[in-house]
Amino acid sequence: MKTYRINKNAARLAQGTGFAPELIYNISLVRFQGRNGRCIAAWTPGIKRPRYVYKAHTPEEYDKAMERIRQEAERFRRHDEAVARSSEEFRRSLRVGDILYSSWGWEQTNIDFYQVIAIRGSAVDLRQLDQQTTEDGYMCGTTVPIPDAFKGKAQSHRITKNYIRIDSCRTAWKWDGQPCRCSWYG
């Protein structure tokens, strides 16, 4: 599970207010006294400006704002747990011989298939597979891999979450056995 720290922008604001920043799961918040009431500024990880800013004129408004922030933090926690579970399931289910697919492209849908050759800890060796494409429309169709019909050499990649990053524009996911839609231009 991820470990979160106080957002540096929240810490910077807190220095000027005299109040200490707080961390509620991944939400960094600073409570301070404004001109017209109590204020809360809250940041989520990696952002410069507050994601939430609440000005509370009454104690009820303040409590309601804090409850919203707690609910949002709980939603983030549940999401992180679900991602961690799916990553662990992906790692456990990956076997030598499994076929992965990558769908990528701009103005066209390219599909690449890969077969798992070896698994070494958090790394996996993949080889690209040849594929059979059936045209069923104008410059579009479906494609399926041809198992064990390799193209090129084996490449090693790290297992990341519930996918494998091939390069900056391609991500490989487990193939479900159904033909993948593809298109081409020219």
N, C-alpha and C. Protein backbone atom coordinates (compact mmCIF):
# COMPACT_ATOMS: atom_id res chain seq x y z
N MET A 1 0.85 -1.18 0.00
CA MET A 1 0.00 0.00 0.00
C MET A 1 0.89 1.24 0.00
N LYS A 2 0.45 2.26 -0.66
CA LYS A 2 1.21 3.50 -0.76
C LYS A 2 1.31 4.19 0.59
N THR A 3 2.39 4.94 0.76
CA THR A 3 2.56 5.79 1.92
C THR A 3 2.56 7.23 1.43
N TYR A 4 1.73 8.05 2.00
CA TYR A 4 1.60 9.44 1.57
C TYR A 4 2.25 10.37 2.57
N ARG A 5 2.72 11.52 2.06
CA ARG A 5 3.31 12.57 2.89
C ARG A 5 2.52 13.85 2.70
N ILE A 6 2.75 14.79 3.59
CA ILE A 6 2.11 16.10 3.49
C ILE A 6 2.54 16.77 2.18
N ASN A 7 1.59 17.30 1.44
CA ASN A 7 1.87 18.03 0.21
C ASN A 7 2.72 19.25 0.56
N LYS A 8 3.77 19.49 -0.22
CA LYS A 8 4.68 20.60 0.12
C LYS A 8 3.99 21.96 0.03
N ASN A 9 2.99 22.10 -0.81
CA ASN A 9 2.26 23.37 -0.89
C ASN A 9 1.37 23.57 0.34
N ALA A 10 0.84 22.48 0.87
CA ALA A 10 0.07 22.57 2.12
C ALA A 10 0.99 22.97 3.26
N ALA A 11 2.19 22.40 3.30
CA ALA A 11 3.15 22.74 4.35
C ALA A 11 3.56 24.21 4.25
N ARG A 12 3.71 24.70 3.03
CA ARG A 12 4.08 26.10 2.82
C ARG A 12 2.98 27.03 3.33
N LEU A 13 1.71 26.70 3.02
CA LEU A 13 0.60 27.52 3.50
C LEU A 13 0.52 27.47 5.03
N ALA A 14 0.73 26.29 5.58
CA ALA A 14 0.63 26.13 7.03
C ALA A 14 1.66 26.98 7.76
N GLN A 15 2.82 27.18 7.18
CA GLN A 15 3.84 28.02 7.82
C GLN A 15 3.35 29.44 8.05
N GLY A 16 2.57 29.94 7.09
CA GLY A 16 2.07 31.30 7.20
C GLY A 16 0.89 31.47 8.14
N THR A 17 0.22 30.36 8.46
CA THR A 17 -0.97 30.45 9.30
C THR A 17 -0.69 30.16 10.77
N GLY A 18 0.38 29.48 11.05
CA GLY A 18 0.66 29.10 12.42
C GLY A 18 -0.01 27.80 12.83
N PHE A 19 -0.75 27.15 11.91
CA PHE A 19 -1.38 25.87 12.18
C PHE A 19 -0.58 24.76 11.51
N ALA A 20 -0.56 23.59 12.09
CA ALA A 20 0.17 22.45 11.52
C ALA A 20 -0.69 21.78 10.45
N PRO A 21 -0.07 21.38 9.33
CA PRO A 21 -0.83 20.64 8.31
C PRO A 21 -1.16 19.24 8.82
N GLU A 22 -2.26 18.69 8.33
CA GLU A 22 -2.67 17.34 8.72
C GLU A 22 -2.75 16.46 7.49
N LEU A 23 -2.71 15.16 7.71
CA LEU A 23 -2.83 14.20 6.63
C LEU A 23 -3.96 13.25 6.96
N ILE A 24 -4.99 13.23 6.12
CA ILE A 24 -6.09 12.27 6.25
C ILE A 24 -5.98 11.37 5.02
N TYR A 25 -5.45 10.18 5.22
CA TYR A 25 -5.05 9.22 4.21
C TYR A 25 -4.11 9.90 3.21
N ASN A 26 -4.60 10.36 2.05
CA ASN A 26 -3.71 11.02 1.09
C ASN A 26 -4.03 12.50 0.91
N ILE A 27 -4.96 13.01 1.68
CA ILE A 27 -5.36 14.41 1.56
C ILE A 27 -4.64 15.23 2.63
N SER A 28 -3.84 16.19 2.16
CA SER A 28 -3.13 17.11 3.07
C SER A 28 -4.05 18.30 3.29
N LEU A 29 -4.31 18.62 4.55
CA LEU A 29 -5.18 19.76 4.78
C LEU A 29 -4.60 20.70 5.80
N VAL A 30 -4.99 21.96 5.62
CA VAL A 30 -4.57 23.02 6.53
C VAL A 30 -5.84 23.72 6.99
N ARG A 31 -6.02 23.78 8.29
CA ARG A 31 -7.14 24.51 8.87
C ARG A 31 -6.60 25.85 9.37
N PHE A 32 -7.32 26.92 9.08
CA PHE A 32 -6.87 28.23 9.56
C PHE A 32 -8.06 29.16 9.72
N GLN A 33 -7.81 30.25 10.39
CA GLN A 33 -8.86 31.24 10.65
C GLN A 33 -8.78 32.32 9.57
N GLY A 34 -9.87 32.46 8.81
CA GLY A 34 -9.96 33.52 7.81
C GLY A 34 -10.65 34.74 8.39
N ARG A 35 -10.87 35.75 7.55
CA ARG A 35 -11.52 36.97 8.03
C ARG A 35 -12.96 36.72 8.46
N ASN A 36 -13.67 35.88 7.69
CA ASN A 36 -15.09 35.67 7.96
C ASN A 36 -15.41 34.28 8.50
N GLY A 37 -14.46 33.59 9.00
CA GLY A 37 -14.75 32.27 9.55
C GLY A 37 -13.56 31.33 9.42
N ARG A 38 -13.78 30.10 9.84
CA ARG A 38 -12.75 29.07 9.76
C ARG A 38 -12.66 28.56 8.33
N CYS A 39 -11.45 28.30 7.87
CA CYS A 39 -11.22 27.84 6.51
C CYS A 39 -10.46 26.51 6.52
N ILE A 40 -10.69 25.74 5.47
CA ILE A 40 -9.97 24.48 5.27
C ILE A 40 -9.50 24.47 3.82
N ALA A 41 -8.22 24.26 3.61
CA ALA A 41 -7.66 24.08 2.26
C ALA A 41 -7.08 22.66 2.23
N ALA A 42 -7.41 21.91 1.19
CA ALA A 42 -6.97 20.51 1.14
C ALA A 42 -6.40 20.18 -0.24
N TRP A 43 -5.28 19.45 -0.23
CA TRP A 43 -4.59 19.05 -1.45
C TRP A 43 -4.57 17.53 -1.56
N THR A 44 -4.67 17.03 -2.78
CA THR A 44 -4.42 15.62 -3.04
C THR A 44 -2.99 15.52 -3.57
N PRO A 45 -2.38 14.33 -3.60
CA PRO A 45 -0.96 14.22 -3.98
C PRO A 45 -0.66 14.80 -5.36
N GLY A 46 0.46 15.50 -5.43
CA GLY A 46 0.98 15.96 -6.71
C GLY A 46 0.37 17.22 -7.29
N ILE A 47 -0.53 17.90 -6.59
CA ILE A 47 -1.12 19.11 -7.16
C ILE A 47 -0.61 20.34 -6.42
N LYS A 48 -0.57 21.46 -7.15
CA LYS A 48 -0.02 22.69 -6.59
C LYS A 48 -1.07 23.51 -5.84
N ARG A 49 -2.26 23.57 -6.38
CA ARG A 49 -3.31 24.36 -5.75
C ARG A 49 -4.25 23.44 -4.98
N PRO A 50 -4.92 23.99 -3.97
CA PRO A 50 -5.82 23.13 -3.19
C PRO A 50 -6.93 22.53 -4.07
N ARG A 51 -7.21 21.27 -3.84
CA ARG A 51 -8.32 20.62 -4.55
C ARG A 51 -9.65 21.05 -3.94
N TYR A 52 -9.66 21.26 -2.64
CA TYR A 52 -10.87 21.68 -1.94
C TYR A 52 -10.53 22.91 -1.10
N VAL A 53 -11.41 23.88 -1.11
CA VAL A 53 -11.29 25.04 -0.22
C VAL A 53 -12.67 25.28 0.36
N TYR A 54 -12.76 25.24 1.67
CA TYR A 54 -14.04 25.46 2.34
C TYR A 54 -13.90 26.64 3.30
N LYS A 55 -14.90 27.52 3.27
CA LYS A 55 -14.98 28.60 4.25
C LYS A 55 -16.24 28.32 5.06
N ALA A 56 -16.06 28.10 6.34
CA ALA A 56 -17.18 27.73 7.22
C ALA A 56 -17.52 28.90 8.14
N HIS A 57 -18.76 29.38 8.04
CA HIS A 57 -19.21 30.48 8.89
C HIS A 57 -19.77 29.96 10.21
N THR A 58 -20.23 28.71 10.20
CA THR A 58 -20.81 28.13 11.42
C THR A 58 -20.10 26.81 11.73
N PRO A 59 -20.21 26.35 12.96
CA PRO A 59 -19.61 25.05 13.30
C PRO A 59 -20.21 23.90 12.49
N GLU A 60 -21.49 23.99 12.13
CA GLU A 60 -22.14 22.94 11.33
C GLU A 60 -21.52 22.88 9.93
N GLU A 61 -21.28 24.04 9.31
CA GLU A 61 -20.64 24.07 7.99
C GLU A 61 -19.23 23.48 8.06
N TYR A 62 -18.53 23.80 9.13
CA TYR A 62 -17.18 23.28 9.32
C TYR A 62 -17.20 21.76 9.44
N ASP A 63 -18.09 21.24 10.26
CA ASP A 63 -18.21 19.79 10.43
C ASP A 63 -18.60 19.11 9.12
N LYS A 64 -19.50 19.73 8.37
CA LYS A 64 -19.93 19.17 7.09
C LYS A 64 -18.75 19.12 6.10
N ALA A 65 -17.93 20.18 6.06
CA ALA A 65 -16.77 20.22 5.18
C ALA A 65 -15.76 19.13 5.57
N MET A 66 -15.51 19.00 6.86
CA MET A 66 -14.57 17.96 7.32
C MET A 66 -15.09 16.56 6.99
N GLU A 67 -16.39 16.36 7.10
CA GLU A 67 -16.97 15.07 6.75
C GLU A 67 -16.80 14.77 5.26
N ARG A 68 -16.98 15.78 4.41
CA ARG A 68 -16.75 15.59 2.96
C ARG A 68 -15.31 15.18 2.68
N ILE A 69 -14.37 15.82 3.35
CA ILE A 69 -12.96 15.48 3.15
C ILE A 69 -12.68 14.06 3.63
N ARG A 70 -13.23 13.66 4.76
CA ARG A 70 -13.04 12.29 5.26
C ARG A 70 -13.63 11.26 4.29
N GLN A 71 -14.81 11.55 3.73
CA GLN A 71 -15.43 10.64 2.77
C GLN A 71 -14.57 10.52 1.51
N GLU A 72 -14.04 11.64 1.05
CA GLU A 72 -13.17 11.61 -0.13
C GLU A 72 -11.90 10.83 0.14
N ALA A 73 -11.31 10.99 1.31
CA ALA A 73 -10.12 10.22 1.69
C ALA A 73 -10.44 8.73 1.73
N GLU A 74 -11.61 8.38 2.24
CA GLU A 74 -12.02 6.97 2.29
C GLU A 74 -12.20 6.41 0.88
N ARG A 75 -12.76 7.23 -0.01
CA ARG A 75 -12.92 6.80 -1.41
C ARG A 75 -11.54 6.55 -2.04
N PHE A 76 -10.56 7.43 -1.80
CA PHE A 76 -9.20 7.23 -2.31
C PHE A 76 -8.60 5.96 -1.73
N ARG A 77 -8.79 5.71 -0.44
CA ARG A 77 -8.24 4.51 0.20
C ARG A 77 -8.80 3.24 -0.42
N ARG A 78 -10.14 3.22 -0.63
CA ARG A 78 -10.77 2.05 -1.25
C ARG A 78 -10.24 1.83 -2.67
N HIS A 79 -10.04 2.92 -3.42
CA HIS A 79 -9.51 2.81 -4.78
C HIS A 79 -8.10 2.23 -4.76
N ASP A 80 -7.24 2.74 -3.87
CA ASP A 80 -5.87 2.23 -3.77
C ASP A 80 -5.85 0.75 -3.40
N GLU A 81 -6.74 0.34 -2.49
CA GLU A 81 -6.81 -1.07 -2.11
C GLU A 81 -7.26 -1.93 -3.29
N ALA A 82 -8.23 -1.46 -4.07
CA ALA A 82 -8.70 -2.21 -5.24
C ALA A 82 -7.59 -2.35 -6.28
N VAL A 83 -6.82 -1.29 -6.50
CA VAL A 83 -5.70 -1.35 -7.45
C VAL A 83 -4.65 -2.33 -6.94
N ALA A 84 -4.35 -2.29 -5.65
CA ALA A 84 -3.36 -3.21 -5.07
C ALA A 84 -3.82 -4.66 -5.21
N ARG A 85 -5.13 -4.90 -4.97
CA ARG A 85 -5.67 -6.26 -5.12
C ARG A 85 -5.57 -6.74 -6.57
N SER A 86 -5.96 -5.88 -7.52
CA SER A 86 -5.93 -6.30 -8.93
C SER A 86 -4.49 -6.51 -9.39
N SER A 87 -3.54 -5.71 -8.88
CA SER A 87 -2.13 -5.92 -9.24
C SER A 87 -1.63 -7.25 -8.74
N GLU A 88 -1.98 -7.57 -7.49
CA GLU A 88 -1.54 -8.83 -6.91
C GLU A 88 -2.17 -10.01 -7.66
N GLU A 89 -3.44 -9.90 -8.01
CA GLU A 89 -4.10 -10.95 -8.78
C GLU A 89 -3.44 -11.13 -10.14
N PHE A 90 -3.09 -10.00 -10.79
CA PHE A 90 -2.42 -10.06 -12.09
C PHE A 90 -1.08 -10.77 -11.97
N ARG A 91 -0.29 -10.39 -10.98
CA ARG A 91 1.02 -11.02 -10.78
C ARG A 91 0.89 -12.52 -10.51
N ARG A 92 -0.08 -12.90 -9.66
CA ARG A 92 -0.26 -14.32 -9.33
C ARG A 92 -0.78 -15.12 -10.53
N SER A 93 -1.60 -14.50 -11.37
CA SER A 93 -2.21 -15.24 -12.47
C SER A 93 -1.33 -15.33 -13.72
N LEU A 94 -0.28 -14.53 -13.80
CA LEU A 94 0.57 -14.51 -14.99
C LEU A 94 1.41 -15.79 -15.06
N ARG A 95 1.35 -16.47 -16.19
CA ARG A 95 2.06 -17.74 -16.40
C ARG A 95 2.84 -17.70 -17.71
N VAL A 96 3.89 -18.50 -17.77
CA VAL A 96 4.63 -18.66 -19.02
C VAL A 96 3.67 -19.23 -20.06
N GLY A 97 3.64 -18.65 -21.25
CA GLY A 97 2.73 -19.08 -22.31
C GLY A 97 1.51 -18.17 -22.44
N ASP A 98 1.22 -17.35 -21.43
CA ASP A 98 0.09 -16.43 -21.51
C ASP A 98 0.31 -15.43 -22.65
N ILE A 99 -0.79 -14.99 -23.23
CA ILE A 99 -0.74 -14.02 -24.32
C ILE A 99 -1.28 -12.70 -23.79
N LEU A 100 -0.53 -11.64 -24.09
CA LEU A 100 -0.91 -10.28 -23.72
C LEU A 100 -1.17 -9.49 -25.00
N TYR A 101 -1.97 -8.44 -24.89
CA TYR A 101 -2.21 -7.59 -26.06
C TYR A 101 -1.99 -6.13 -25.69
N SER A 102 -1.67 -5.36 -26.72
CA SER A 102 -1.50 -3.93 -26.55
C SER A 102 -2.27 -3.24 -27.66
N SER A 103 -3.16 -2.31 -27.28
CA SER A 103 -3.94 -1.54 -28.25
C SER A 103 -3.43 -0.11 -28.18
N TRP A 104 -2.97 0.43 -29.30
CA TRP A 104 -2.38 1.76 -29.30
C TRP A 104 -2.54 2.41 -30.68
N GLY A 105 -2.30 3.68 -30.76
CA GLY A 105 -2.31 4.38 -32.04
C GLY A 105 -3.07 5.69 -31.98
N TRP A 106 -2.85 6.49 -33.00
CA TRP A 106 -3.51 7.79 -33.15
C TRP A 106 -4.15 7.78 -34.53
N GLU A 107 -5.45 7.97 -34.60
CA GLU A 107 -6.25 7.92 -35.83
C GLU A 107 -6.34 6.52 -36.41
N GLN A 108 -5.82 5.54 -35.71
CA GLN A 108 -5.97 4.15 -36.08
C GLN A 108 -5.72 3.32 -34.83
N THR A 109 -6.20 2.09 -34.84
CA THR A 109 -6.02 1.23 -33.67
C THR A 109 -5.08 0.09 -34.04
N ASN A 110 -3.89 0.14 -33.50
CA ASN A 110 -2.90 -0.92 -33.73
C ASN A 110 -3.00 -1.90 -32.57
N ILE A 111 -2.89 -3.16 -32.89
CA ILE A 111 -2.90 -4.22 -31.88
C ILE A 111 -1.61 -5.01 -32.01
N ASP A 112 -0.91 -5.18 -30.90
CA ASP A 112 0.27 -6.04 -30.84
C ASP A 112 0.00 -7.13 -29.82
N PHE A 113 0.44 -8.34 -30.12
CA PHE A 113 0.30 -9.45 -29.18
C PHE A 113 1.69 -9.90 -28.73
N TYR A 114 1.77 -10.33 -27.49
CA TYR A 114 3.02 -10.79 -26.90
C TYR A 114 2.76 -12.08 -26.14
N GLN A 115 3.77 -12.94 -26.13
CA GLN A 115 3.67 -14.18 -25.36
C GLN A 115 4.71 -14.15 -24.25
N VAL A 116 4.30 -14.58 -23.06
CA VAL A 116 5.20 -14.61 -21.91
C VAL A 116 6.15 -15.80 -22.09
N ILE A 117 7.46 -15.48 -22.08
CA ILE A 117 8.49 -16.51 -22.26
C ILE A 117 9.07 -16.94 -20.92
N ALA A 118 9.25 -15.96 -20.01
CA ALA A 118 9.81 -16.26 -18.69
C ALA A 118 9.35 -15.19 -17.70
N ILE A 119 9.25 -15.60 -16.43
CA ILE A 119 8.90 -14.66 -15.35
C ILE A 119 10.00 -14.75 -14.31
N ARG A 120 10.58 -13.59 -13.99
CA ARG A 120 11.67 -13.53 -13.02
C ARG A 120 11.35 -12.44 -12.01
N GLY A 121 10.72 -12.80 -10.90
CA GLY A 121 10.37 -11.82 -9.87
C GLY A 121 9.36 -10.81 -10.40
N SER A 122 9.77 -9.53 -10.46
CA SER A 122 8.85 -8.50 -10.97
C SER A 122 9.15 -8.16 -12.42
N ALA A 123 9.93 -8.99 -13.09
CA ALA A 123 10.22 -8.80 -14.52
C ALA A 123 9.67 -9.96 -15.31
N VAL A 124 9.35 -9.69 -16.55
CA VAL A 124 8.81 -10.72 -17.41
C VAL A 124 9.47 -10.58 -18.79
N ASP A 125 9.79 -11.72 -19.42
CA ASP A 125 10.34 -11.71 -20.78
C ASP A 125 9.20 -11.99 -21.74
N LEU A 126 9.06 -11.11 -22.73
CA LEU A 126 7.99 -11.22 -23.73
C LEU A 126 8.58 -11.30 -25.12
N ARG A 127 7.87 -12.01 -26.01
CA ARG A 127 8.20 -12.00 -27.43
C ARG A 127 6.94 -11.64 -28.19
N GLN A 128 7.12 -10.76 -29.17
CA GLN A 128 5.98 -10.33 -29.97
C GLN A 128 5.53 -11.49 -30.87
N LEU A 129 4.21 -11.59 -31.05
CA LEU A 129 3.63 -12.66 -31.86
C LEU A 129 3.13 -12.13 -33.21
N ASP A 130 3.16 -13.00 -34.19
CA ASP A 130 2.54 -12.68 -35.47
C ASP A 130 1.03 -12.77 -35.26
N GLN A 131 0.26 -12.15 -36.13
CA GLN A 131 -1.20 -12.15 -35.95
C GLN A 131 -1.92 -12.34 -37.27
N GLN A 132 -3.16 -12.77 -37.15
CA GLN A 132 -4.01 -12.97 -38.32
C GLN A 132 -5.12 -11.94 -38.25
N THR A 133 -5.22 -11.11 -39.31
CA THR A 133 -6.20 -10.03 -39.34
C THR A 133 -7.27 -10.33 -40.37
N THR A 134 -8.52 -10.11 -40.00
CA THR A 134 -9.67 -10.30 -40.89
C THR A 134 -10.32 -8.94 -41.10
N GLU A 135 -10.36 -8.50 -42.35
CA GLU A 135 -10.97 -7.20 -42.66
C GLU A 135 -12.48 -7.38 -42.75
N ASP A 136 -13.22 -6.57 -41.99
CA ASP A 136 -14.69 -6.67 -42.02
C ASP A 136 -15.35 -5.32 -42.28
N GLY A 137 -14.58 -4.35 -42.70
CA GLY A 137 -15.09 -3.02 -43.02
C GLY A 137 -14.02 -2.26 -43.76
N TYR A 138 -14.28 -0.98 -44.01
CA TYR A 138 -13.30 -0.17 -44.71
C TYR A 138 -12.13 0.14 -43.80
N MET A 139 -10.97 -0.43 -44.07
CA MET A 139 -9.73 -0.27 -43.32
C MET A 139 -9.90 -0.57 -41.83
N CYS A 140 -10.71 -1.58 -41.53
CA CYS A 140 -10.87 -2.01 -40.14
C CYS A 140 -11.22 -3.49 -40.11
N GLY A 141 -11.06 -4.09 -38.96
CA GLY A 141 -11.36 -5.50 -38.83
C GLY A 141 -11.03 -6.01 -37.44
N THR A 142 -10.78 -7.31 -37.37
CA THR A 142 -10.41 -7.94 -36.11
C THR A 142 -9.10 -8.68 -36.32
N THR A 143 -8.40 -8.88 -35.22
CA THR A 143 -7.13 -9.59 -35.29
C THR A 143 -7.00 -10.53 -34.10
N VAL A 144 -6.34 -11.64 -34.33
CA VAL A 144 -6.05 -12.62 -33.28
C VAL A 144 -4.59 -13.03 -33.39
N PRO A 145 -3.97 -13.40 -32.28
CA PRO A 145 -2.55 -13.81 -32.34
C PRO A 145 -2.41 -15.23 -32.88
N ILE A 146 -1.23 -15.52 -33.39
CA ILE A 146 -0.88 -16.88 -33.77
C ILE A 146 0.13 -17.35 -32.71
N PRO A 147 -0.31 -18.17 -31.75
CA PRO A 147 0.58 -18.59 -30.66
C PRO A 147 1.85 -19.25 -31.19
N ASP A 148 2.96 -18.95 -30.54
CA ASP A 148 4.29 -19.50 -30.84
C ASP A 148 4.83 -19.10 -32.20
N ALA A 149 4.20 -18.14 -32.89
CA ALA A 149 4.72 -17.60 -34.15
C ALA A 149 5.38 -16.26 -33.81
N PHE A 150 6.64 -16.34 -33.37
CA PHE A 150 7.31 -15.17 -32.82
C PHE A 150 7.89 -14.27 -33.89
N LYS A 151 7.90 -12.96 -33.57
CA LYS A 151 8.56 -11.94 -34.39
C LYS A 151 9.59 -11.25 -33.49
N GLY A 152 10.80 -11.18 -33.92
CA GLY A 152 11.81 -10.47 -33.14
C GLY A 152 12.33 -11.26 -31.95
N LYS A 153 13.13 -10.55 -31.15
CA LYS A 153 13.78 -11.17 -29.99
C LYS A 153 12.96 -10.96 -28.73
N ALA A 154 13.31 -11.72 -27.70
CA ALA A 154 12.65 -11.56 -26.39
C ALA A 154 13.10 -10.25 -25.76
N GLN A 155 12.18 -9.57 -25.10
CA GLN A 155 12.48 -8.33 -24.40
C GLN A 155 11.99 -8.45 -22.96
N SER A 156 12.77 -7.89 -22.05
CA SER A 156 12.41 -7.93 -20.64
C SER A 156 11.68 -6.65 -20.26
N HIS A 157 10.60 -6.79 -19.49
CA HIS A 157 9.79 -5.66 -19.04
C HIS A 157 9.41 -5.88 -17.58
N ARG A 158 9.17 -4.78 -16.88
CA ARG A 158 8.74 -4.85 -15.48
C ARG A 158 7.23 -4.98 -15.41
N ILE A 159 6.75 -5.76 -14.44
CA ILE A 159 5.32 -5.87 -14.19
C ILE A 159 4.93 -4.65 -13.35
N THR A 160 3.99 -3.87 -13.86
CA THR A 160 3.55 -2.64 -13.19
C THR A 160 2.06 -2.75 -12.96
N LYS A 161 1.64 -2.68 -11.71
CA LYS A 161 0.23 -2.76 -11.35
C LYS A 161 -0.39 -3.98 -12.01
N ASN A 162 -1.46 -3.80 -12.82
CA ASN A 162 -2.09 -4.95 -13.46
C ASN A 162 -1.86 -4.93 -14.96
N TYR A 163 -0.69 -4.43 -15.36
CA TYR A 163 -0.33 -4.40 -16.77
C TYR A 163 1.19 -4.41 -16.88
N ILE A 164 1.67 -4.47 -18.12
CA ILE A 164 3.11 -4.42 -18.37
C ILE A 164 3.37 -3.29 -19.35
N ARG A 165 4.23 -2.36 -18.98
CA ARG A 165 4.56 -1.22 -19.84
C ARG A 165 5.57 -1.68 -20.88
N ILE A 166 5.20 -1.60 -22.16
CA ILE A 166 6.08 -2.00 -23.25
C ILE A 166 7.02 -0.85 -23.59
N ASP A 167 6.46 0.33 -23.84
CA ASP A 167 7.23 1.55 -24.08
C ASP A 167 6.34 2.74 -23.77
N SER A 168 6.71 3.92 -24.23
CA SER A 168 5.97 5.12 -23.84
C SER A 168 4.54 5.18 -24.36
N CYS A 169 4.23 4.42 -25.41
CA CYS A 169 2.85 4.48 -25.94
C CYS A 169 2.14 3.13 -25.92
N ARG A 170 2.78 2.09 -25.45
CA ARG A 170 2.15 0.77 -25.43
C ARG A 170 2.16 0.16 -24.04
N THR A 171 1.00 -0.36 -23.66
CA THR A 171 0.81 -1.05 -22.40
C THR A 171 0.16 -2.40 -22.73
N ALA A 172 0.68 -3.47 -22.18
CA ALA A 172 0.16 -4.81 -22.48
C ALA A 172 -0.70 -5.32 -21.32
N TRP A 173 -1.85 -5.86 -21.69
CA TRP A 173 -2.82 -6.42 -20.75
C TRP A 173 -3.03 -7.89 -21.11
N LYS A 174 -3.56 -8.65 -20.18
CA LYS A 174 -3.87 -10.05 -20.46
C LYS A 174 -4.96 -10.14 -21.51
N TRP A 175 -4.73 -10.98 -22.50
CA TRP A 175 -5.69 -11.16 -23.59
C TRP A 175 -6.78 -12.12 -23.14
N ASP A 176 -8.05 -11.80 -23.43
CA ASP A 176 -9.19 -12.62 -22.98
C ASP A 176 -9.60 -13.70 -23.98
N GLY A 177 -8.88 -13.80 -25.11
CA GLY A 177 -9.20 -14.84 -26.08
C GLY A 177 -10.14 -14.38 -27.18
N GLN A 178 -10.70 -13.20 -27.07
CA GLN A 178 -11.63 -12.67 -28.08
C GLN A 178 -10.85 -11.88 -29.12
N PRO A 179 -11.30 -11.90 -30.40
CA PRO A 179 -10.62 -11.09 -31.42
C PRO A 179 -10.65 -9.61 -31.03
N CYS A 180 -9.57 -8.91 -31.31
CA CYS A 180 -9.46 -7.48 -30.99
C CYS A 180 -9.75 -6.65 -32.23
N ARG A 181 -10.48 -5.55 -32.04
CA ARG A 181 -10.78 -4.63 -33.13
C ARG A 181 -9.52 -3.86 -33.49
N CYS A 182 -9.29 -3.66 -34.78
CA CYS A 182 -8.13 -2.90 -35.23
C CYS A 182 -8.53 -2.08 -36.47
N SER A 183 -7.75 -1.09 -36.76
CA SER A 183 -7.98 -0.28 -37.97
C SER A 183 -6.64 0.19 -38.47
N TRP A 184 -6.61 0.62 -39.70
CA TRP A 184 -5.37 1.09 -40.30
C TRP A 184 -5.68 2.21 -41.27
N TYR A 185 -4.66 2.92 -41.62
CA TYR A 185 -4.82 4.06 -42.50
C TYR A 185 -3.79 3.97 -43.62
N GLY A 186 -4.27 4.00 -44.84
CA GLY A 186 -3.37 4.02 -46.01
C GLY A 186 -2.88 2.72 -46.39
